[in-house]
Amino acid sequence: MTTKDWKKQLKILSVKPPKMNKYIKHNGKKVRSCGIDLHHCIKCGRTGGHISKYGLHMCRLCFRDYAVKMGFKKYS
């Protein structure tokens, strides 16, 4: 494929199902079994600064927003 426009590229591939399947296979998202990309925030989807303790599964920024609503208390 030599086109730079992804919409045009998908339009071309939609006519040819075998080529579309191959394109999706090689360019799709990889299924992860370990690593940083396996855990993500349930609110915003961010992978960095992930808090999984107590089953929270939130990034630190979303945790700051929702901590009071969940019943956490700031002591300092």
PDB file of N, CA and C in Angstrom:
ATOM      1  N   MET A   1       0.841  -1.178   0.000  1.00  0.00           N
ATOM      2  CA  MET A   1       0.000   0.000   0.000  1.00  0.00           C
ATOM      3  C   MET A   1       0.887   1.242   0.000  1.00  0.00           C
ATOM      4  N   THR A   2       0.584   2.121  -0.902  1.00  0.00           N
ATOM      5  CA  THR A   2       1.406   3.318  -1.009  1.00  0.00           C
ATOM      6  C   THR A   2       0.665   4.592  -0.602  1.00  0.00           C
ATOM      7  N   THR A   3      -0.590   4.474  -0.235  1.00  0.00           N
ATOM      8  CA  THR A   3      -1.355   5.669   0.125  1.00  0.00           C
ATOM      9  C   THR A   3      -1.088   6.082   1.571  1.00  0.00           C
ATOM     10  N   LYS A   4      -1.117   7.385   1.836  1.00  0.00           N
ATOM     11  CA  LYS A   4      -0.869   7.890   3.188  1.00  0.00           C
ATOM     12  C   LYS A   4      -2.178   8.106   3.953  1.00  0.00           C
ATOM     13  N   ASP A   5      -3.276   8.228   3.237  1.00  0.00           N
ATOM     14  CA  ASP A   5      -4.572   8.463   3.860  1.00  0.00           C
ATOM     15  C   ASP A   5      -5.158   7.132   4.305  1.00  0.00           C
ATOM     16  N   TRP A   6      -5.359   6.956   5.604  1.00  0.00           N
ATOM     17  CA  TRP A   6      -5.817   5.665   6.126  1.00  0.00           C
ATOM     18  C   TRP A   6      -7.254   5.352   5.737  1.00  0.00           C
ATOM     19  N   LYS A   7      -8.088   6.388   5.539  1.00  0.00           N
ATOM     20  CA  LYS A   7      -9.473   6.156   5.127  1.00  0.00           C
ATOM     21  C   LYS A   7      -9.524   5.572   3.714  1.00  0.00           C
ATOM     22  N   LYS A   8      -8.681   6.108   2.847  1.00  0.00           N
ATOM     23  CA  LYS A   8      -8.610   5.610   1.473  1.00  0.00           C
ATOM     24  C   LYS A   8      -8.070   4.188   1.470  1.00  0.00           C
ATOM     25  N   GLN A   9      -7.116   3.918   2.335  1.00  0.00           N
ATOM     26  CA  GLN A   9      -6.513   2.596   2.427  1.00  0.00           C
ATOM     27  C   GLN A   9      -7.545   1.554   2.864  1.00  0.00           C
ATOM     28  N   LEU A  10      -8.364   1.877   3.872  1.00  0.00           N
ATOM     29  CA  LEU A  10      -9.393   0.946   4.329  1.00  0.00           C
ATOM     30  C   LEU A  10     -10.486   0.751   3.281  1.00  0.00           C
ATOM     31  N   LYS A  11     -10.771   1.799   2.510  1.00  0.00           N
ATOM     32  CA  LYS A  11     -11.767   1.688   1.449  1.00  0.00           C
ATOM     33  C   LYS A  11     -11.279   0.722   0.374  1.00  0.00           C
ATOM     34  N   ILE A  12     -10.004   0.787   0.042  1.00  0.00           N
ATOM     35  CA  ILE A  12      -9.416  -0.111  -0.944  1.00  0.00           C
ATOM     36  C   ILE A  12      -9.431  -1.543  -0.416  1.00  0.00           C
ATOM     37  N   LEU A  13      -9.086  -1.706   0.874  1.00  0.00           N
ATOM     38  CA  LEU A  13      -9.016  -3.040   1.450  1.00  0.00           C
ATOM     39  C   LEU A  13     -10.386  -3.672   1.672  1.00  0.00           C
ATOM     40  N   SER A  14     -11.432  -2.864   1.841  1.00  0.00           N
ATOM     41  CA  SER A  14     -12.757  -3.426   2.095  1.00  0.00           C
ATOM     42  C   SER A  14     -13.289  -4.213   0.902  1.00  0.00           C
ATOM     43  N   VAL A  15     -12.777  -3.924  -0.281  1.00  0.00           N
ATOM     44  CA  VAL A  15     -13.185  -4.641  -1.486  1.00  0.00           C
ATOM     45  C   VAL A  15     -12.510  -6.013  -1.556  1.00  0.00           C
ATOM     46  N   LYS A  16     -11.362  -6.150  -0.911  1.00  0.00           N
ATOM     47  CA  LYS A  16     -10.592  -7.399  -0.971  1.00  0.00           C
ATOM     48  C   LYS A  16     -10.502  -8.011   0.432  1.00  0.00           C
ATOM     49  N   PRO A  17     -11.456  -8.878   0.819  1.00  0.00           N
ATOM     50  CA  PRO A  17     -11.477  -9.449   2.174  1.00  0.00           C
ATOM     51  C   PRO A  17     -10.206 -10.193   2.601  1.00  0.00           C
ATOM     52  N   PRO A  18      -9.568 -11.005   1.753  1.00  0.00           N
ATOM     53  CA  PRO A  18      -8.337 -11.677   2.210  1.00  0.00           C
ATOM     54  C   PRO A  18      -7.214 -10.693   2.568  1.00  0.00           C
ATOM     55  N   LYS A  19      -7.101  -9.630   1.767  1.00  0.00           N
ATOM     56  CA  LYS A  19      -6.077  -8.617   2.062  1.00  0.00           C
ATOM     57  C   LYS A  19      -6.428  -7.842   3.323  1.00  0.00           C
ATOM     58  N   MET A  20      -7.728  -7.586   3.556  1.00  0.00           N
ATOM     59  CA  MET A  20      -8.179  -6.888   4.755  1.00  0.00           C
ATOM     60  C   MET A  20      -7.860  -7.706   5.998  1.00  0.00           C
ATOM     61  N   ASN A  21      -8.103  -9.021   5.944  1.00  0.00           N
ATOM     62  CA  ASN A  21      -7.806  -9.891   7.081  1.00  0.00           C
ATOM     63  C   ASN A  21      -6.313  -9.902   7.393  1.00  0.00           C
ATOM     64  N   LYS A  22      -5.489  -9.930   6.358  1.00  0.00           N
ATOM     65  CA  LYS A  22      -4.035  -9.912   6.551  1.00  0.00           C
ATOM     66  C   LYS A  22      -3.592  -8.578   7.138  1.00  0.00           C
ATOM     67  N   TYR A  23      -4.185  -7.480   6.655  1.00  0.00           N
ATOM     68  CA  TYR A  23      -3.864  -6.144   7.164  1.00  0.00           C
ATOM     69  C   TYR A  23      -4.204  -6.035   8.647  1.00  0.00           C
ATOM     70  N   ILE A  24      -5.381  -6.519   9.027  1.00  0.00           N
ATOM     71  CA  ILE A  24      -5.802  -6.479  10.432  1.00  0.00           C
ATOM     72  C   ILE A  24      -4.906  -7.357  11.288  1.00  0.00           C
ATOM     73  N   LYS A  25      -4.520  -8.523  10.773  1.00  0.00           N
ATOM     74  CA  LYS A  25      -3.665  -9.451  11.521  1.00  0.00           C
ATOM     75  C   LYS A  25      -2.316  -8.817  11.848  1.00  0.00           C
ATOM     76  N   HIS A  26      -1.721  -8.134  10.886  1.00  0.00           N
ATOM     77  CA  HIS A  26      -0.379  -7.585  11.076  1.00  0.00           C
ATOM     78  C   HIS A  26      -0.361  -6.192  11.693  1.00  0.00           C
ATOM     79  N   ASN A  27      -1.448  -5.436  11.578  1.00  0.00           N
ATOM     80  CA  ASN A  27      -1.461  -4.069  12.076  1.00  0.00           C
ATOM     81  C   ASN A  27      -2.402  -3.845  13.239  1.00  0.00           C
ATOM     82  N   GLY A  28      -3.089  -4.891  13.676  1.00  0.00           N
ATOM     83  CA  GLY A  28      -4.011  -4.774  14.803  1.00  0.00           C
ATOM     84  C   GLY A  28      -3.264  -4.724  16.121  1.00  0.00           C
ATOM     85  N   LYS A  29      -4.017  -4.494  17.194  1.00  0.00           N
ATOM     86  CA  LYS A  29      -3.432  -4.439  18.515  1.00  0.00           C
ATOM     87  C   LYS A  29      -3.027  -5.824  18.984  1.00  0.00           C
ATOM     88  N   LYS A  30      -1.857  -5.919  19.589  1.00  0.00           N
ATOM     89  CA  LYS A  30      -1.353  -7.198  20.070  1.00  0.00           C
ATOM     90  C   LYS A  30      -2.000  -7.541  21.413  1.00  0.00           C
ATOM     91  N   VAL A  31      -2.381  -8.809  21.580  1.00  0.00           N
ATOM     92  CA  VAL A  31      -2.949  -9.263  22.849  1.00  0.00           C
ATOM     93  C   VAL A  31      -1.800  -9.460  23.824  1.00  0.00           C
ATOM     94  N   ARG A  32      -1.869  -8.789  24.972  1.00  0.00           N
ATOM     95  CA  ARG A  32      -0.781  -8.813  25.952  1.00  0.00           C
ATOM     96  C   ARG A  32      -1.060  -9.827  27.057  1.00  0.00           C
ATOM     97  N   SER A  33       0.010 -10.482  27.533  1.00  0.00           N
ATOM     98  CA  SER A  33      -0.124 -11.393  28.665  1.00  0.00           C
ATOM     99  C   SER A  33       0.661 -10.883  29.867  1.00  0.00           C
ATOM    100  N   CYS A  34       1.537  -9.908  29.646  1.00  0.00           N
ATOM    101  CA  CYS A  34       2.299  -9.303  30.737  1.00  0.00           C
ATOM    102  C   CYS A  34       2.808  -7.943  30.269  1.00  0.00           C
ATOM    103  N   GLY A  35       3.313  -7.169  31.197  1.00  0.00           N
ATOM    104  CA  GLY A  35       3.876  -5.872  30.848  1.00  0.00           C
ATOM    105  C   GLY A  35       2.989  -4.710  31.234  1.00  0.00           C
ATOM    106  N   ILE A  36       3.486  -3.499  30.971  1.00  0.00           N
ATOM    107  CA  ILE A  36       2.809  -2.282  31.399  1.00  0.00           C
ATOM    108  C   ILE A  36       1.505  -2.053  30.632  1.00  0.00           C
ATOM    109  N   ASP A  37       1.428  -2.502  29.399  1.00  0.00           N
ATOM    110  CA  ASP A  37       0.252  -2.248  28.578  1.00  0.00           C
ATOM    111  C   ASP A  37      -0.920  -3.156  28.926  1.00  0.00           C
ATOM    112  N   LEU A  38      -0.708  -4.136  29.775  1.00  0.00           N
ATOM    113  CA  LEU A  38      -1.781  -5.042  30.181  1.00  0.00           C
ATOM    114  C   LEU A  38      -2.748  -4.353  31.141  1.00  0.00           C
ATOM    115  N   HIS A  39      -2.230  -3.510  32.030  1.00  0.00           N
ATOM    116  CA  HIS A  39      -3.054  -2.826  33.025  1.00  0.00           C
ATOM    117  C   HIS A  39      -3.343  -1.400  32.575  1.00  0.00           C
ATOM    118  N   HIS A  40      -4.611  -1.021  32.597  1.00  0.00           N
ATOM    119  CA  HIS A  40      -4.977   0.345  32.231  1.00  0.00           C
ATOM    120  C   HIS A  40      -6.094   0.836  33.134  1.00  0.00           C
ATOM    121  N   CYS A  41      -6.256   2.131  33.185  1.00  0.00           N
ATOM    122  CA  CYS A  41      -7.263   2.774  34.029  1.00  0.00           C
ATOM    123  C   CYS A  41      -8.659   2.480  33.485  1.00  0.00           C
ATOM    124  N   ILE A  42      -9.595   2.169  34.385  1.00  0.00           N
ATOM    125  CA  ILE A  42     -10.963   1.881  33.945  1.00  0.00           C
ATOM    126  C   ILE A  42     -11.732   3.152  33.605  1.00  0.00           C
ATOM    127  N   LYS A  43     -11.264   4.305  34.057  1.00  0.00           N
ATOM    128  CA  LYS A  43     -11.958   5.574  33.797  1.00  0.00           C
ATOM    129  C   LYS A  43     -11.482   6.236  32.506  1.00  0.00           C
ATOM    130  N   CYS A  44     -10.139   6.361  32.340  1.00  0.00           N
ATOM    131  CA  CYS A  44      -9.617   7.108  31.191  1.00  0.00           C
ATOM    132  C   CYS A  44      -8.785   6.264  30.229  1.00  0.00           C
ATOM    133  N   GLY A  45      -8.344   5.067  30.636  1.00  0.00           N
ATOM    134  CA  GLY A  45      -7.575   4.204  29.747  1.00  0.00           C
ATOM    135  C   GLY A  45      -6.078   4.406  29.799  1.00  0.00           C
ATOM    136  N   ARG A  46      -5.590   5.297  30.653  1.00  0.00           N
ATOM    137  CA  ARG A  46      -4.163   5.575  30.768  1.00  0.00           C
ATOM    138  C   ARG A  46      -3.448   4.360  31.359  1.00  0.00           C
ATOM    139  N   THR A  47      -2.222   4.076  30.899  1.00  0.00           N
ATOM    140  CA  THR A  47      -1.475   2.917  31.395  1.00  0.00           C
ATOM    141  C   THR A  47      -0.450   3.281  32.457  1.00  0.00           C
ATOM    142  N   GLY A  48      -0.020   4.530  32.517  1.00  0.00           N
ATOM    143  CA  GLY A  48       0.988   4.935  33.488  1.00  0.00           C
ATOM    144  C   GLY A  48       0.393   5.290  34.829  1.00  0.00           C
ATOM    145  N   GLY A  49       1.142   5.072  35.915  1.00  0.00           N
ATOM    146  CA  GLY A  49       0.703   5.426  37.257  1.00  0.00           C
ATOM    147  C   GLY A  49      -0.510   4.634  37.700  1.00  0.00           C
ATOM    148  N   HIS A  50      -0.516   3.349  37.402  1.00  0.00           N
ATOM    149  CA  HIS A  50      -1.669   2.497  37.643  1.00  0.00           C
ATOM    150  C   HIS A  50      -1.715   2.008  39.089  1.00  0.00           C
ATOM    151  N   ILE A  51      -2.872   2.143  39.742  1.00  0.00           N
ATOM    152  CA  ILE A  51      -3.074   1.659  41.108  1.00  0.00           C
ATOM    153  C   ILE A  51      -4.019   0.462  41.032  1.00  0.00           C
ATOM    154  N   SER A  52      -3.484  -0.738  41.300  1.00  0.00           N
ATOM    155  CA  SER A  52      -4.331  -1.928  41.227  1.00  0.00           C
ATOM    156  C   SER A  52      -4.633  -2.504  42.598  1.00  0.00           C
ATOM    157  N   LYS A  53      -4.082  -1.891  43.644  1.00  0.00           N
ATOM    158  CA  LYS A  53      -4.300  -2.382  44.997  1.00  0.00           C
ATOM    159  C   LYS A  53      -5.779  -2.265  45.363  1.00  0.00           C
ATOM    160  N   TYR A  54      -6.296  -3.239  46.068  1.00  0.00           N
ATOM    161  CA  TYR A  54      -7.697  -3.326  46.486  1.00  0.00           C
ATOM    162  C   TYR A  54      -8.654  -3.393  45.292  1.00  0.00           C
ATOM    163  N   GLY A  55      -8.138  -3.771  44.123  1.00  0.00           N
ATOM    164  CA  GLY A  55      -8.989  -3.898  42.939  1.00  0.00           C
ATOM    165  C   GLY A  55      -9.456  -2.578  42.359  1.00  0.00           C
ATOM    166  N   LEU A  56      -8.692  -1.498  42.590  1.00  0.00           N
ATOM    167  CA  LEU A  56      -9.097  -0.175  42.091  1.00  0.00           C
ATOM    168  C   LEU A  56      -8.939  -0.057  40.577  1.00  0.00           C
ATOM    169  N   HIS A  57      -7.785  -0.460  40.053  1.00  0.00           N
ATOM    170  CA  HIS A  57      -7.471  -0.388  38.615  1.00  0.00           C
ATOM    171  C   HIS A  57      -7.732   1.004  38.043  1.00  0.00           C
ATOM    172  N   MET A  58      -7.117   2.009  38.668  1.00  0.00           N
ATOM    173  CA  MET A  58      -7.221   3.390  38.215  1.00  0.00           C
ATOM    174  C   MET A  58      -5.826   3.993  38.121  1.00  0.00           C
ATOM    175  N   CYS A  59      -5.694   5.009  37.293  1.00  0.00           N
ATOM    176  CA  CYS A  59      -4.441   5.754  37.275  1.00  0.00           C
ATOM    177  C   CYS A  59      -4.454   6.703  38.466  1.00  0.00           C
ATOM    178  N   ARG A  60      -3.310   7.239  38.793  1.00  0.00           N
ATOM    179  CA  ARG A  60      -3.201   8.088  39.980  1.00  0.00           C
ATOM    180  C   ARG A  60      -4.001   9.373  39.842  1.00  0.00           C
ATOM    181  N   LEU A  61      -4.163   9.874  38.630  1.00  0.00           N
ATOM    182  CA  LEU A  61      -4.903  11.114  38.422  1.00  0.00           C
ATOM    183  C   LEU A  61      -6.410  10.919  38.626  1.00  0.00           C
ATOM    184  N   CYS A  62      -6.939   9.820  38.109  1.00  0.00           N
ATOM    185  CA  CYS A  62      -8.363   9.525  38.310  1.00  0.00           C
ATOM    186  C   CYS A  62      -8.623   9.182  39.771  1.00  0.00           C
ATOM    187  N   PHE A  63      -7.648   8.545  40.418  1.00  0.00           N
ATOM    188  CA  PHE A  63      -7.812   8.216  41.829  1.00  0.00           C
ATOM    189  C   PHE A  63      -7.957   9.482  42.664  1.00  0.00           C
ATOM    190  N   ARG A  64      -7.187  10.512  42.335  1.00  0.00           N
ATOM    191  CA  ARG A  64      -7.289  11.781  43.063  1.00  0.00           C
ATOM    192  C   ARG A  64      -8.684  12.395  42.917  1.00  0.00           C
ATOM    193  N   ASP A  65      -9.276  12.246  41.734  1.00  0.00           N
ATOM    194  CA  ASP A  65     -10.609  12.801  41.492  1.00  0.00           C
ATOM    195  C   ASP A  65     -11.706  12.026  42.234  1.00  0.00           C
ATOM    196  N   TYR A  66     -11.587  10.695  42.265  1.00  0.00           N
ATOM    197  CA  TYR A  66     -12.653   9.855  42.795  1.00  0.00           C
ATOM    198  C   TYR A  66     -12.401   9.353  44.222  1.00  0.00           C
ATOM    199  N   ALA A  67     -11.274   9.703  44.840  1.00  0.00           N
ATOM    200  CA  ALA A  67     -10.913   9.160  46.153  1.00  0.00           C
ATOM    201  C   ALA A  67     -11.921   9.542  47.233  1.00  0.00           C
ATOM    202  N   VAL A  68     -12.351  10.776  47.283  1.00  0.00           N
ATOM    203  CA  VAL A  68     -13.292  11.228  48.309  1.00  0.00           C
ATOM    204  C   VAL A  68     -14.643  10.525  48.139  1.00  0.00           C
ATOM    205  N   LYS A  69     -15.084  10.343  46.899  1.00  0.00           N
ATOM    206  CA  LYS A  69     -16.361   9.674  46.633  1.00  0.00           C
ATOM    207  C   LYS A  69     -16.318   8.206  47.055  1.00  0.00           C
ATOM    208  N   MET A  70     -15.110   7.599  46.973  1.00  0.00           N
ATOM    209  CA  MET A  70     -14.971   6.194  47.341  1.00  0.00           C
ATOM    210  C   MET A  70     -14.772   6.007  48.843  1.00  0.00           C
ATOM    211  N   GLY A  71     -14.528   7.089  49.568  1.00  0.00           N
ATOM    212  CA  GLY A  71     -14.410   7.002  51.010  1.00  0.00           C
ATOM    213  C   GLY A  71     -12.995   7.105  51.547  1.00  0.00           C
ATOM    214  N   PHE A  72     -12.022   7.438  50.695  1.00  0.00           N
ATOM    215  CA  PHE A  72     -10.658   7.639  51.171  1.00  0.00           C
ATOM    216  C   PHE A  72     -10.545   9.031  51.776  1.00  0.00           C
ATOM    217  N   LYS A  73      -9.634   9.154  52.744  1.00  0.00           N
ATOM    218  CA  LYS A  73      -9.486  10.401  53.451  1.00  0.00           C
ATOM    219  C   LYS A  73      -8.044  10.860  53.356  1.00  0.00           C
ATOM    220  N   LYS A  74      -7.816  12.153  53.149  1.00  0.00           N
ATOM    221  CA  LYS A  74      -6.476  12.712  53.076  1.00  0.00           C
ATOM    222  C   LYS A  74      -6.077  13.191  54.468  1.00  0.00           C
ATOM    223  N   TYR A  75      -4.930  12.718  54.952  1.00  0.00           N
ATOM    224  CA  TYR A  75      -4.514  13.026  56.323  1.00  0.00           C
ATOM    225  C   TYR A  75      -3.512  14.161  56.438  1.00  0.00           C
ATOM    226  N   SER A  76      -2.959  14.668  55.352  1.00  0.00           N
ATOM    227  CA  SER A  76      -1.970  15.737  55.493  1.00  0.00           C
ATOM    228  C   SER A  76      -2.501  17.079  55.054  1.00  0.00           C
TER     229      SER A  76
END
